[in-house]
Amino acid sequence: MTQPATPPSLSYRDAGVDIDAGDALVERIKPFARKTLREGALGGLGGFGALFEVPKRYREPVLVSGTDGVGTKLKLAFELGRHDTVGIDLVAMSVNDVLVQGAEPLFFLDYFACGKLDVDTAARVIEGIAKGCELAGCALIGGETAEMPGMYPPGEYDLAGFAVGVVEKSRIITGQDIAPGDAVLGLPSSGAHSNGYSLVRGILAAARPDLFAPFDGARTLADALMEPTRIYVKPMRALLAELPVKGMAHITGGGLTGNVPRVLPPNVKAVIDASAWHRPPLFQWLQSAGKVAESEMHRVFNCGIGLCVVVAPENAGQAQALLRGAGQEALEIGRIEARRDTEAQTAVV
């Protein structure tokens, strides 16, 4: 009697997951992570959980956490083969959010998911994440690499990031003390950061520009679009050490009109003067090529202002000087005024 054929032996590699590649990636990224180590970081990569001790200088520490991704800016990264700066974007989106409540970012964890792991590409992405952590002064203490065959098209991946910071309970910035007469400072962005890229890609599909032609000085349009998100942590920490700040708003998806109200008490509004800063060429091109309405520009993009800071009017000049001393330009772009119930909380005029 003929015996049934023995089914072939299968391995995880046969199913599309390469454990050895994952191990190789961990070894590749360890030097990047080591560069980010700071006070409080315990142990290194590879454990089941990442350990961090809250600095003892905090008397009443309150932890502040944030999470975000890079969004469809990744689609451009795939098309252009540029993987070295999206990691900075990933860190920036979370640490800038943590910052606006007055927190010092302590540590960061990342999640990298793909269909098939390309160690070189993943290492470039995570090196960018480590660079972002250095810029923010926080430690890259852990993460996860997930290889999931069939979940992502070849050559594509997704990213998520998680930041934790700490602030003294008495120094949490809530915006509750913002009052009419306060000054609104605008810290310039480095570009579109990581917001509005679904609209950006729609404009590119319709306009079909040469992404590699000279665009802004020595930069191409591709360079301008892939410029990583600016990280405001260190200059703002320098300001917070010297002057009281009443409120901060990270200008992400929703633009100025959607994000500034998040930090305002209900009885006031912010009146932003759009002529107070020069709109960068990238936004001028996007508006022209996409025939985007002015109101839509301010709902989708940062339009050149990546962080808004509200201070008492008598502190505005000193705050600008302190930020410039820390390497960050700051412009006075608006004022806080009393608000009627029917009025919007932010107007760009």
C-alpha atoms as a PDB file:
ATOM      1  CA  MET A   1       0.000   0.000   0.000  1.00  0.00           C
ATOM      2  CA  THR A   2       1.366   3.369  -1.011  1.00  0.00           C
ATOM      3  CA  GLN A   3       2.061   5.647   1.929  1.00  0.00           C
ATOM      4  CA  PRO A   4       0.859   9.286   1.634  1.00  0.00           C
ATOM      5  CA  ALA A   5       3.604  11.735   0.750  1.00  0.00           C
ATOM      6  CA  THR A   6       5.114  13.505   3.740  1.00  0.00           C
ATOM      7  CA  PRO A   7       4.371  17.252   3.524  1.00  0.00           C
ATOM      8  CA  PRO A   8       7.476  19.404   3.180  1.00  0.00           C
ATOM      9  CA  SER A   9       8.876  20.927   6.336  1.00  0.00           C
ATOM     10  CA  LEU A  10       8.110  24.644   6.575  1.00  0.00           C
ATOM     11  CA  SER A  11       9.979  27.355   8.435  1.00  0.00           C
ATOM     12  CA  TYR A  12       9.183  30.920   9.457  1.00  0.00           C
ATOM     13  CA  ARG A  13      11.513  32.056   6.672  1.00  0.00           C
ATOM     14  CA  ASP A  14       9.447  30.057   4.167  1.00  0.00           C
ATOM     15  CA  ALA A  15       6.387  31.926   5.441  1.00  0.00           C
ATOM     16  CA  GLY A  16       8.103  35.241   4.718  1.00  0.00           C
ATOM     17  CA  VAL A  17       9.570  36.209   8.091  1.00  0.00           C
ATOM     18  CA  ASP A  18      13.353  36.352   8.416  1.00  0.00           C
ATOM     19  CA  ILE A  19      14.307  36.184  12.093  1.00  0.00           C
ATOM     20  CA  ASP A  20      17.999  36.506  11.236  1.00  0.00           C
ATOM     21  CA  ALA A  21      17.331  39.785   9.399  1.00  0.00           C
ATOM     22  CA  GLY A  22      15.505  41.095  12.453  1.00  0.00           C
ATOM     23  CA  ASP A  23      18.424  40.166  14.692  1.00  0.00           C
ATOM     24  CA  ALA A  24      20.841  41.829  12.254  1.00  0.00           C
ATOM     25  CA  LEU A  25      18.781  45.029  12.354  1.00  0.00           C
ATOM     26  CA  VAL A  26      18.899  45.150  16.160  1.00  0.00           C
ATOM     27  CA  GLU A  27      22.696  44.923  16.036  1.00  0.00           C
ATOM     28  CA  ARG A  28      22.849  47.638  13.353  1.00  0.00           C
ATOM     29  CA  ILE A  29      20.782  50.117  15.333  1.00  0.00           C
ATOM     30  CA  LYS A  30      22.389  49.646  18.753  1.00  0.00           C
ATOM     31  CA  PRO A  31      25.121  52.262  18.076  1.00  0.00           C
ATOM     32  CA  PHE A  32      22.475  54.803  17.026  1.00  0.00           C
ATOM     33  CA  ALA A  33      20.486  54.193  20.193  1.00  0.00           C
ATOM     34  CA  ARG A  34      23.581  54.460  22.398  1.00  0.00           C
ATOM     35  CA  LYS A  35      24.140  58.026  21.154  1.00  0.00           C
ATOM     36  CA  THR A  36      20.770  59.033  22.614  1.00  0.00           C
ATOM     37  CA  LEU A  37      21.339  57.729  26.155  1.00  0.00           C
ATOM     38  CA  ARG A  38      20.669  60.298  28.865  1.00  0.00           C
ATOM     39  CA  GLU A  39      20.052  60.608  32.596  1.00  0.00           C
ATOM     40  CA  GLY A  40      17.446  58.055  33.662  1.00  0.00           C
ATOM     41  CA  ALA A  41      17.915  55.505  30.881  1.00  0.00           C
ATOM     42  CA  LEU A  42      18.515  52.042  32.334  1.00  0.00           C
ATOM     43  CA  GLY A  43      19.761  49.126  30.253  1.00  0.00           C
ATOM     44  CA  GLY A  44      19.841  48.938  26.471  1.00  0.00           C
ATOM     45  CA  LEU A  45      17.889  47.572  23.526  1.00  0.00           C
ATOM     46  CA  GLY A  46      16.722  43.984  23.471  1.00  0.00           C
ATOM     47  CA  GLY A  47      14.764  43.603  26.686  1.00  0.00           C
ATOM     48  CA  PHE A  48      11.064  42.815  26.891  1.00  0.00           C
ATOM     49  CA  GLY A  49      10.422  46.241  28.383  1.00  0.00           C
ATOM     50  CA  ALA A  50      12.356  49.512  28.348  1.00  0.00           C
ATOM     51  CA  LEU A  51      13.370  50.920  31.728  1.00  0.00           C
ATOM     52  CA  PHE A  52      13.603  54.611  32.615  1.00  0.00           C
ATOM     53  CA  GLU A  53      13.972  56.318  35.979  1.00  0.00           C
ATOM     54  CA  VAL A  54      12.316  59.728  36.388  1.00  0.00           C
ATOM     55  CA  PRO A  55      15.050  62.274  37.220  1.00  0.00           C
ATOM     56  CA  LYS A  56      15.242  62.930  40.956  1.00  0.00           C
ATOM     57  CA  ARG A  57      15.297  66.710  40.462  1.00  0.00           C
ATOM     58  CA  TYR A  58      11.502  66.616  39.961  1.00  0.00           C
ATOM     59  CA  ARG A  59       9.590  66.999  43.234  1.00  0.00           C
ATOM     60  CA  GLU A  60       6.075  66.337  41.864  1.00  0.00           C
ATOM     61  CA  PRO A  61       6.682  64.727  38.478  1.00  0.00           C
ATOM     62  CA  VAL A  62       3.777  64.384  36.064  1.00  0.00           C
ATOM     63  CA  LEU A  63       4.298  62.169  33.024  1.00  0.00           C
ATOM     64  CA  VAL A  64       3.122  63.476  29.652  1.00  0.00           C
ATOM     65  CA  SER A  65       2.812  61.046  26.746  1.00  0.00           C
ATOM     66  CA  GLY A  66       2.255  61.434  23.020  1.00  0.00           C
ATOM     67  CA  THR A  67       2.013  59.197  19.976  1.00  0.00           C
ATOM     68  CA  ASP A  68       1.908  59.871  16.242  1.00  0.00           C
ATOM     69  CA  GLY A  69       3.077  58.682  12.847  1.00  0.00           C
ATOM     70  CA  VAL A  70       4.437  60.242   9.667  1.00  0.00           C
ATOM     71  CA  GLY A  71       1.312  59.812   7.550  1.00  0.00           C
ATOM     72  CA  THR A  72       1.297  59.787   3.769  1.00  0.00           C
ATOM     73  CA  LYS A  73       4.588  61.665   3.622  1.00  0.00           C
ATOM     74  CA  LEU A  74       5.894  58.091   3.686  1.00  0.00           C
ATOM     75  CA  LYS A  75       4.435  57.578   0.199  1.00  0.00           C
ATOM     76  CA  LEU A  76       6.777  60.269  -1.106  1.00  0.00           C
ATOM     77  CA  ALA A  77       9.669  58.691   0.787  1.00  0.00           C
ATOM     78  CA  PHE A  78       8.986  55.389  -0.989  1.00  0.00           C
ATOM     79  CA  GLU A  79       8.711  57.022  -4.415  1.00  0.00           C
ATOM     80  CA  LEU A  80      11.873  59.080  -3.934  1.00  0.00           C
ATOM     81  CA  GLY A  81      13.863  56.405  -2.105  1.00  0.00           C
ATOM     82  CA  ARG A  82      14.537  58.831   0.757  1.00  0.00           C
ATOM     83  CA  HIS A  83      14.404  57.023   4.077  1.00  0.00           C
ATOM     84  CA  ASP A  84      16.959  58.905   6.164  1.00  0.00           C
ATOM     85  CA  THR A  85      14.816  61.795   7.467  1.00  0.00           C
ATOM     86  CA  VAL A  86      11.335  60.340   8.029  1.00  0.00           C
ATOM     87  CA  GLY A  87      12.577  59.085  11.393  1.00  0.00           C
ATOM     88  CA  ILE A  88      13.186  62.712  12.429  1.00  0.00           C
ATOM     89  CA  ASP A  89       9.593  63.475  11.394  1.00  0.00           C
ATOM     90  CA  LEU A  90       8.377  60.600  13.544  1.00  0.00           C
ATOM     91  CA  VAL A  91      10.141  61.843  16.673  1.00  0.00           C
ATOM     92  CA  ALA A  92       9.244  65.484  16.066  1.00  0.00           C
ATOM     93  CA  MET A  93       5.518  64.911  15.842  1.00  0.00           C
ATOM     94  CA  SER A  94       5.393  63.363  19.322  1.00  0.00           C
ATOM     95  CA  VAL A  95       8.048  65.346  21.213  1.00  0.00           C
ATOM     96  CA  ASN A  96       6.682  68.694  20.010  1.00  0.00           C
ATOM     97  CA  ASP A  97       3.242  67.645  21.274  1.00  0.00           C
ATOM     98  CA  VAL A  98       4.674  66.692  24.671  1.00  0.00           C
ATOM     99  CA  LEU A  99       6.627  69.951  24.798  1.00  0.00           C
ATOM    100  CA  VAL A 100       3.597  72.235  24.549  1.00  0.00           C
ATOM    101  CA  GLN A 101       2.433  71.214  28.019  1.00  0.00           C
ATOM    102  CA  GLY A 102       5.807  72.244  29.403  1.00  0.00           C
ATOM    103  CA  ALA A 103       7.269  68.743  29.528  1.00  0.00           C
ATOM    104  CA  GLU A 104      10.855  67.672  29.029  1.00  0.00           C
ATOM    105  CA  PRO A 105      10.860  64.669  26.657  1.00  0.00           C
ATOM    106  CA  LEU A 106      12.536  61.744  28.414  1.00  0.00           C
ATOM    107  CA  PHE A 107      12.359  58.750  26.115  1.00  0.00           C
ATOM    108  CA  PHE A 108      10.993  57.506  22.811  1.00  0.00           C
ATOM    109  CA  LEU A 109       9.931  54.150  21.389  1.00  0.00           C
ATOM    110  CA  ASP A 110       9.272  53.339  17.749  1.00  0.00           C
ATOM    111  CA  TYR A 111       7.231  50.784  15.815  1.00  0.00           C
ATOM    112  CA  PHE A 112       8.426  49.817  12.317  1.00  0.00           C
ATOM    113  CA  ALA A 113       6.121  47.527  10.334  1.00  0.00           C
ATOM    114  CA  CYS A 114       6.760  46.064   6.885  1.00  0.00           C
ATOM    115  CA  GLY A 115       5.879  43.139   4.649  1.00  0.00           C
ATOM    116  CA  LYS A 116       9.472  42.033   4.118  1.00  0.00           C
ATOM    117  CA  LEU A 117      12.317  43.457   6.155  1.00  0.00           C
ATOM    118  CA  ASP A 118      15.030  45.269   4.215  1.00  0.00           C
ATOM    119  CA  VAL A 119      17.733  45.732   6.842  1.00  0.00           C
ATOM    120  CA  ASP A 120      19.468  48.607   5.031  1.00  0.00           C
ATOM    121  CA  THR A 121      16.260  50.612   4.596  1.00  0.00           C
ATOM    122  CA  ALA A 122      15.097  49.955   8.156  1.00  0.00           C
ATOM    123  CA  ALA A 123      18.502  50.945   9.531  1.00  0.00           C
ATOM    124  CA  ARG A 124      18.370  54.255   7.643  1.00  0.00           C
ATOM    125  CA  VAL A 125      14.922  54.970   9.041  1.00  0.00           C
ATOM    126  CA  ILE A 126      15.925  54.141  12.606  1.00  0.00           C
ATOM    127  CA  GLU A 127      19.143  56.131  12.316  1.00  0.00           C
ATOM    128  CA  GLY A 128      16.870  59.089  11.530  1.00  0.00           C
ATOM    129  CA  ILE A 129      14.784  58.286  14.598  1.00  0.00           C
ATOM    130  CA  ALA A 130      17.946  58.322  16.715  1.00  0.00           C
ATOM    131  CA  LYS A 131      18.950  61.664  15.174  1.00  0.00           C
ATOM    132  CA  GLY A 132      15.538  63.062  16.095  1.00  0.00           C
ATOM    133  CA  CYS A 133      15.977  61.835  19.649  1.00  0.00           C
ATOM    134  CA  GLU A 134      19.361  63.564  19.847  1.00  0.00           C
ATOM    135  CA  LEU A 135      17.780  66.817  18.637  1.00  0.00           C
ATOM    136  CA  ALA A 136      15.063  66.462  21.288  1.00  0.00           C
ATOM    137  CA  GLY A 137      17.433  65.391  24.071  1.00  0.00           C
ATOM    138  CA  CYS A 138      15.497  62.196  24.754  1.00  0.00           C
ATOM    139  CA  ALA A 139      16.619  58.573  24.818  1.00  0.00           C
ATOM    140  CA  LEU A 140      15.660  55.968  22.227  1.00  0.00           C
ATOM    141  CA  ILE A 141      15.179  53.114  24.670  1.00  0.00           C
ATOM    142  CA  GLY A 142      13.095  50.584  22.783  1.00  0.00           C
ATOM    143  CA  GLY A 143      10.952  49.720  19.817  1.00  0.00           C
ATOM    144  CA  GLU A 144       9.419  46.975  17.729  1.00  0.00           C
ATOM    145  CA  THR A 145      10.128  45.732  14.226  1.00  0.00           C
ATOM    146  CA  ALA A 146       7.218  43.774  12.774  1.00  0.00           C
ATOM    147  CA  GLU A 147       7.664  41.777   9.567  1.00  0.00           C
ATOM    148  CA  MET A 148       4.192  40.817   8.322  1.00  0.00           C
ATOM    149  CA  PRO A 149       4.094  39.186   4.868  1.00  0.00           C
ATOM    150  CA  GLY A 150       1.096  40.251   2.813  1.00  0.00           C
ATOM    151  CA  MET A 151       0.244  43.277   4.944  1.00  0.00           C
ATOM    152  CA  TYR A 152       2.257  45.869   3.002  1.00  0.00           C
ATOM    153  CA  PRO A 153       3.232  46.250  -0.672  1.00  0.00           C
ATOM    154  CA  PRO A 154       6.876  45.475  -1.497  1.00  0.00           C
ATOM    155  CA  GLY A 155       9.202  48.321  -0.522  1.00  0.00           C
ATOM    156  CA  GLU A 156       6.707  49.967   1.813  1.00  0.00           C
ATOM    157  CA  TYR A 157       6.521  50.223   5.598  1.00  0.00           C
ATOM    158  CA  ASP A 158       4.670  52.131   8.300  1.00  0.00           C
ATOM    159  CA  LEU A 159       5.916  53.958  11.366  1.00  0.00           C
ATOM    160  CA  ALA A 160       4.497  54.893  14.745  1.00  0.00           C
ATOM    161  CA  GLY A 161       6.240  56.672  17.574  1.00  0.00           C
ATOM    162  CA  PHE A 162       5.653  57.056  21.289  1.00  0.00           C
ATOM    163  CA  ALA A 163       7.193  59.775  23.489  1.00  0.00           C
ATOM    164  CA  VAL A 164       7.056  60.231  27.245  1.00  0.00           C
ATOM    165  CA  GLY A 165       8.063  63.429  28.988  1.00  0.00           C
ATOM    166  CA  VAL A 166       7.899  64.847  32.496  1.00  0.00           C
ATOM    167  CA  VAL A 167       6.886  68.192  33.935  1.00  0.00           C
ATOM    168  CA  GLU A 168       6.745  69.555  37.465  1.00  0.00           C
ATOM    169  CA  LYS A 169       3.067  69.543  38.446  1.00  0.00           C
ATOM    170  CA  SER A 170       3.165  73.246  39.327  1.00  0.00           C
ATOM    171  CA  ARG A 171       4.628  74.103  35.899  1.00  0.00           C
ATOM    172  CA  ILE A 172       2.175  72.330  33.598  1.00  0.00           C
ATOM    173  CA  ILE A 173       1.222  74.716  30.790  1.00  0.00           C
ATOM    174  CA  THR A 174      -2.549  74.670  30.295  1.00  0.00           C
ATOM    175  CA  GLY A 175      -3.288  78.028  28.661  1.00  0.00           C
ATOM    176  CA  GLN A 176      -5.822  78.911  31.366  1.00  0.00           C
ATOM    177  CA  ASP A 177      -4.023  82.186  32.221  1.00  0.00           C
ATOM    178  CA  ILE A 178      -4.006  83.510  28.644  1.00  0.00           C
ATOM    179  CA  ALA A 179      -5.650  86.950  28.630  1.00  0.00           C
ATOM    180  CA  PRO A 180      -6.450  89.799  26.225  1.00  0.00           C
ATOM    181  CA  GLY A 181      -3.312  91.740  25.334  1.00  0.00           C
ATOM    182  CA  ASP A 182      -0.969  88.731  25.415  1.00  0.00           C
ATOM    183  CA  ALA A 183       1.440  88.358  22.516  1.00  0.00           C
ATOM    184  CA  VAL A 184       1.502  85.402  20.113  1.00  0.00           C
ATOM    185  CA  LEU A 185       4.962  84.452  18.887  1.00  0.00           C
ATOM    186  CA  GLY A 186       5.438  82.259  15.838  1.00  0.00           C
ATOM    187  CA  LEU A 187       8.397  79.915  15.444  1.00  0.00           C
ATOM    188  CA  PRO A 188       9.066  79.235  11.748  1.00  0.00           C
ATOM    189  CA  SER A 189       8.576  75.743  10.388  1.00  0.00           C
ATOM    190  CA  SER A 190      11.082  73.902   8.218  1.00  0.00           C
ATOM    191  CA  GLY A 191       8.405  73.130   5.621  1.00  0.00           C
ATOM    192  CA  ALA A 192       5.152  71.199   5.552  1.00  0.00           C
ATOM    193  CA  HIS A 193       6.478  69.032   8.414  1.00  0.00           C
ATOM    194  CA  SER A 194       4.348  65.844   8.346  1.00  0.00           C
ATOM    195  CA  ASN A 195       0.905  67.270   7.707  1.00  0.00           C
ATOM    196  CA  GLY A 196      -1.312  67.700   4.691  1.00  0.00           C
ATOM    197  CA  TYR A 197       0.540  65.226   2.490  1.00  0.00           C
ATOM    198  CA  SER A 198      -2.622  63.651   1.138  1.00  0.00           C
ATOM    199  CA  LEU A 199      -3.423  67.063  -0.345  1.00  0.00           C
ATOM    200  CA  VAL A 200       0.230  67.524  -1.364  1.00  0.00           C
ATOM    201  CA  ARG A 201       0.175  64.239  -3.259  1.00  0.00           C
ATOM    202  CA  GLY A 202      -3.105  65.204  -4.912  1.00  0.00           C
ATOM    203  CA  ILE A 203      -1.543  68.466  -6.093  1.00  0.00           C
ATOM    204  CA  LEU A 204       1.536  66.625  -7.375  1.00  0.00           C
ATOM    205  CA  ALA A 205      -0.635  64.135  -9.276  1.00  0.00           C
ATOM    206  CA  ALA A 206      -2.555  66.973 -10.956  1.00  0.00           C
ATOM    207  CA  ALA A 207       0.367  69.348 -11.629  1.00  0.00           C
ATOM    208  CA  ARG A 208       2.965  66.682 -12.490  1.00  0.00           C
ATOM    209  CA  PRO A 209       5.981  68.941 -11.724  1.00  0.00           C
ATOM    210  CA  ASP A 210       9.625  67.985 -12.170  1.00  0.00           C
ATOM    211  CA  LEU A 211      10.488  67.123  -8.575  1.00  0.00           C
ATOM    212  CA  PHE A 212      14.214  67.365  -9.281  1.00  0.00           C
ATOM    213  CA  ALA A 213      14.361  70.725 -11.040  1.00  0.00           C
ATOM    214  CA  PRO A 214      15.826  73.675  -9.083  1.00  0.00           C
ATOM    215  CA  PHE A 215      13.087  75.077  -6.872  1.00  0.00           C
ATOM    216  CA  ASP A 216      14.304  77.100  -3.905  1.00  0.00           C
ATOM    217  CA  GLY A 217      17.930  78.101  -4.319  1.00  0.00           C
ATOM    218  CA  ALA A 218      20.002  74.936  -4.433  1.00  0.00           C
ATOM    219  CA  ARG A 219      17.042  72.795  -3.337  1.00  0.00           C
ATOM    220  CA  THR A 220      14.695  70.832  -5.548  1.00  0.00           C
ATOM    221  CA  LEU A 221      10.959  70.506  -4.966  1.00  0.00           C
ATOM    222  CA  ALA A 222      11.669  66.982  -3.695  1.00  0.00           C
ATOM    223  CA  ASP A 223      14.107  68.428  -1.149  1.00  0.00           C
ATOM    224  CA  ALA A 224      11.543  70.964   0.045  1.00  0.00           C
ATOM    225  CA  LEU A 225       8.809  68.342   0.367  1.00  0.00           C
ATOM    226  CA  MET A 226      11.012  65.909   2.288  1.00  0.00           C
ATOM    227  CA  GLU A 227      12.552  68.480   4.657  1.00  0.00           C
ATOM    228  CA  PRO A 228      12.108  66.934   8.110  1.00  0.00           C
ATOM    229  CA  THR A 229       9.890  68.427  10.802  1.00  0.00           C
ATOM    230  CA  ARG A 230      11.609  70.959  13.017  1.00  0.00           C
ATOM    231  CA  ILE A 231      12.079  69.906  16.642  1.00  0.00           C
ATOM    232  CA  TYR A 232      11.495  72.843  19.005  1.00  0.00           C
ATOM    233  CA  VAL A 233      12.395  71.165  22.292  1.00  0.00           C
ATOM    234  CA  LYS A 234      15.843  72.566  23.093  1.00  0.00           C
ATOM    235  CA  PRO A 235      15.207  76.256  22.291  1.00  0.00           C
ATOM    236  CA  MET A 236      11.853  76.147  24.064  1.00  0.00           C
ATOM    237  CA  ARG A 237      13.373  74.460  27.095  1.00  0.00           C
ATOM    238  CA  ALA A 238      15.896  77.327  27.203  1.00  0.00           C
ATOM    239  CA  LEU A 239      13.023  79.842  27.134  1.00  0.00           C
ATOM    240  CA  LEU A 240      10.991  78.000  29.774  1.00  0.00           C
ATOM    241  CA  ALA A 241      13.975  78.085  32.131  1.00  0.00           C
ATOM    242  CA  GLU A 242      14.023  81.900  32.013  1.00  0.00           C
ATOM    243  CA  LEU A 243      10.516  83.211  31.377  1.00  0.00           C
ATOM    244  CA  PRO A 244       6.903  82.189  32.079  1.00  0.00           C
ATOM    245  CA  VAL A 245       5.071  80.895  29.012  1.00  0.00           C
ATOM    246  CA  LYS A 246       1.278  81.015  29.100  1.00  0.00           C
ATOM    247  CA  GLY A 247       0.528  78.645  26.244  1.00  0.00           C
ATOM    248  CA  MET A 248       1.959  76.770  23.273  1.00  0.00           C
ATOM    249  CA  ALA A 249       0.354  75.219  20.216  1.00  0.00           C
ATOM    250  CA  HIS A 250       2.090  72.732  17.909  1.00  0.00           C
ATOM    251  CA  ILE A 251       0.819  73.548  14.415  1.00  0.00           C
ATOM    252  CA  THR A 252       0.060  70.142  12.939  1.00  0.00           C
ATOM    253  CA  GLY A 253      -2.944  68.858  10.972  1.00  0.00           C
ATOM    254  CA  GLY A 254      -5.612  71.537  11.242  1.00  0.00           C
ATOM    255  CA  GLY A 255      -3.136  74.376  10.710  1.00  0.00           C
ATOM    256  CA  LEU A 256      -3.174  77.606  12.674  1.00  0.00           C
ATOM    257  CA  THR A 257      -6.967  77.846  12.799  1.00  0.00           C
ATOM    258  CA  GLY A 258      -7.353  74.319  14.139  1.00  0.00           C
ATOM    259  CA  ASN A 259      -4.496  74.106  16.634  1.00  0.00           C
ATOM    260  CA  VAL A 260      -4.179  77.510  18.315  1.00  0.00           C
ATOM    261  CA  PRO A 261      -7.718  77.252  19.823  1.00  0.00           C
ATOM    262  CA  ARG A 262      -6.700  74.054  21.608  1.00  0.00           C
ATOM    263  CA  VAL A 263      -4.662  76.089  24.097  1.00  0.00           C
ATOM    264  CA  LEU A 264      -7.022  79.084  24.518  1.00  0.00           C
ATOM    265  CA  PRO A 265      -9.592  79.574  27.297  1.00  0.00           C
ATOM    266  CA  PRO A 266     -13.113  80.135  25.920  1.00  0.00           C
ATOM    267  CA  ASN A 267     -13.267  83.905  26.620  1.00  0.00           C
ATOM    268  CA  VAL A 268     -10.400  84.876  24.278  1.00  0.00           C
ATOM    269  CA  LYS A 269      -9.386  84.598  20.631  1.00  0.00           C
ATOM    270  CA  ALA A 270      -6.079  84.803  18.788  1.00  0.00           C
ATOM    271  CA  VAL A 271      -5.840  87.283  15.928  1.00  0.00           C
ATOM    272  CA  ILE A 272      -2.955  86.241  13.679  1.00  0.00           C
ATOM    273  CA  ASP A 273      -1.452  88.686  11.177  1.00  0.00           C
ATOM    274  CA  ALA A 274      -0.485  86.691   8.073  1.00  0.00           C
ATOM    275  CA  SER A 275       1.724  89.574   6.883  1.00  0.00           C
ATOM    276  CA  ALA A 276       3.962  89.174   9.963  1.00  0.00           C
ATOM    277  CA  TRP A 277       5.971  86.450   8.255  1.00  0.00           C
ATOM    278  CA  HIS A 278       6.998  85.540   4.725  1.00  0.00           C
ATOM    279  CA  ARG A 279       5.169  82.495   3.452  1.00  0.00           C
ATOM    280  CA  PRO A 280       7.844  80.007   2.273  1.00  0.00           C
ATOM    281  CA  PRO A 281       8.033  79.175  -1.460  1.00  0.00           C
ATOM    282  CA  LEU A 282       6.772  75.620  -0.891  1.00  0.00           C
ATOM    283  CA  PHE A 283       3.411  76.854   0.379  1.00  0.00           C
ATOM    284  CA  GLN A 284       3.190  79.483  -2.342  1.00  0.00           C
ATOM    285  CA  TRP A 285       3.722  76.749  -4.941  1.00  0.00           C
ATOM    286  CA  LEU A 286       1.226  74.359  -3.341  1.00  0.00           C
ATOM    287  CA  GLN A 287      -1.464  77.035  -3.199  1.00  0.00           C
ATOM    288  CA  SER A 288      -0.878  78.122  -6.796  1.00  0.00           C
ATOM    289  CA  ALA A 289      -0.496  74.658  -8.323  1.00  0.00           C
ATOM    290  CA  GLY A 290      -3.485  73.269  -6.421  1.00  0.00           C
ATOM    291  CA  LYS A 291      -5.648  76.394  -6.599  1.00  0.00           C
ATOM    292  CA  VAL A 292      -6.112  76.012  -2.850  1.00  0.00           C
ATOM    293  CA  ALA A 293      -8.272  78.608  -1.095  1.00  0.00           C
ATOM    294  CA  GLU A 294      -6.571  80.763   1.535  1.00  0.00           C
ATOM    295  CA  SER A 295      -8.843  79.459   4.296  1.00  0.00           C
ATOM    296  CA  GLU A 296      -8.040  75.872   3.287  1.00  0.00           C
ATOM    297  CA  MET A 297      -4.304  76.604   3.375  1.00  0.00           C
ATOM    298  CA  HIS A 298      -4.601  77.655   7.016  1.00  0.00           C
ATOM    299  CA  ARG A 299      -6.780  74.625   7.872  1.00  0.00           C
ATOM    300  CA  VAL A 300      -4.389  72.084   6.329  1.00  0.00           C
ATOM    301  CA  PHE A 301      -0.826  73.440   6.424  1.00  0.00           C
ATOM    302  CA  ASN A 302       1.324  75.316   8.926  1.00  0.00           C
ATOM    303  CA  CYS A 303       2.052  77.889   6.157  1.00  0.00           C
ATOM    304  CA  GLY A 304       5.481  78.596   7.662  1.00  0.00           C
ATOM    305  CA  ILE A 305       4.719  78.658  11.418  1.00  0.00           C
ATOM    306  CA  GLY A 306       5.369  75.389  13.240  1.00  0.00           C
ATOM    307  CA  LEU A 307       4.856  76.437  16.863  1.00  0.00           C
ATOM    308  CA  CYS A 308       2.904  79.288  18.469  1.00  0.00           C
ATOM    309  CA  VAL A 309       3.910  80.585  21.886  1.00  0.00           C
ATOM    310  CA  VAL A 310       1.747  82.905  24.003  1.00  0.00           C
ATOM    311  CA  VAL A 311       3.505  85.203  26.483  1.00  0.00           C
ATOM    312  CA  ALA A 312       2.645  88.324  28.452  1.00  0.00           C
ATOM    313  CA  PRO A 313       3.173  91.416  26.266  1.00  0.00           C
ATOM    314  CA  GLU A 314       5.956  92.752  28.471  1.00  0.00           C
ATOM    315  CA  ASN A 315       7.878  89.476  27.966  1.00  0.00           C
ATOM    316  CA  ALA A 316       7.568  89.262  24.179  1.00  0.00           C
ATOM    317  CA  GLY A 317      10.829  91.004  23.291  1.00  0.00           C
ATOM    318  CA  GLN A 318      12.886  89.099  25.851  1.00  0.00           C
ATOM    319  CA  ALA A 319      11.319  85.812  24.765  1.00  0.00           C
ATOM    320  CA  GLN A 320      12.295  86.485  21.147  1.00  0.00           C
ATOM    321  CA  ALA A 321      15.841  87.330  22.212  1.00  0.00           C
ATOM    322  CA  LEU A 322      16.158  84.173  24.318  1.00  0.00           C
ATOM    323  CA  LEU A 323      14.893  81.981  21.489  1.00  0.00           C
ATOM    324  CA  ARG A 324      17.242  83.590  18.982  1.00  0.00           C
ATOM    325  CA  GLY A 325      20.088  83.057  21.425  1.00  0.00           C
ATOM    326  CA  ALA A 326      19.157  79.364  21.415  1.00  0.00           C
ATOM    327  CA  GLY A 327      19.265  79.282  17.603  1.00  0.00           C
ATOM    328  CA  GLN A 328      15.534  79.605  16.950  1.00  0.00           C
ATOM    329  CA  GLU A 329      13.997  82.560  15.124  1.00  0.00           C
ATOM    330  CA  ALA A 330      10.787  83.885  16.673  1.00  0.00           C
ATOM    331  CA  LEU A 331       8.375  86.447  15.229  1.00  0.00           C
ATOM    332  CA  GLU A 332       5.538  88.337  16.889  1.00  0.00           C
ATOM    333  CA  ILE A 333       2.607  87.273  14.709  1.00  0.00           C
ATOM    334  CA  GLY A 334      -0.511  88.176  16.674  1.00  0.00           C
ATOM    335  CA  ARG A 335      -2.370  89.202  19.780  1.00  0.00           C
ATOM    336  CA  ILE A 336      -4.913  87.732  22.153  1.00  0.00           C
ATOM    337  CA  GLU A 337      -8.225  89.604  22.242  1.00  0.00           C
ATOM    338  CA  ALA A 338     -11.512  89.253  24.115  1.00  0.00           C
ATOM    339  CA  ARG A 339     -13.985  86.968  22.352  1.00  0.00           C
ATOM    340  CA  ARG A 340     -17.726  86.952  21.893  1.00  0.00           C
ATOM    341  CA  ASP A 341     -19.493  83.602  22.105  1.00  0.00           C
ATOM    342  CA  THR A 342     -20.219  83.507  18.366  1.00  0.00           C
ATOM    343  CA  GLU A 343     -16.664  84.282  17.236  1.00  0.00           C
ATOM    344  CA  ALA A 344     -14.055  81.781  16.087  1.00  0.00           C
ATOM    345  CA  GLN A 345     -11.158  81.357  18.505  1.00  0.00           C
ATOM    346  CA  THR A 346      -8.494  82.025  15.898  1.00  0.00           C
ATOM    347  CA  ALA A 347      -8.614  84.387  12.935  1.00  0.00           C
ATOM    348  CA  VAL A 348      -5.846  84.751  10.360  1.00  0.00           C
ATOM    349  CA  VAL A 349      -6.129  88.216   8.845  1.00  0.00           C
END
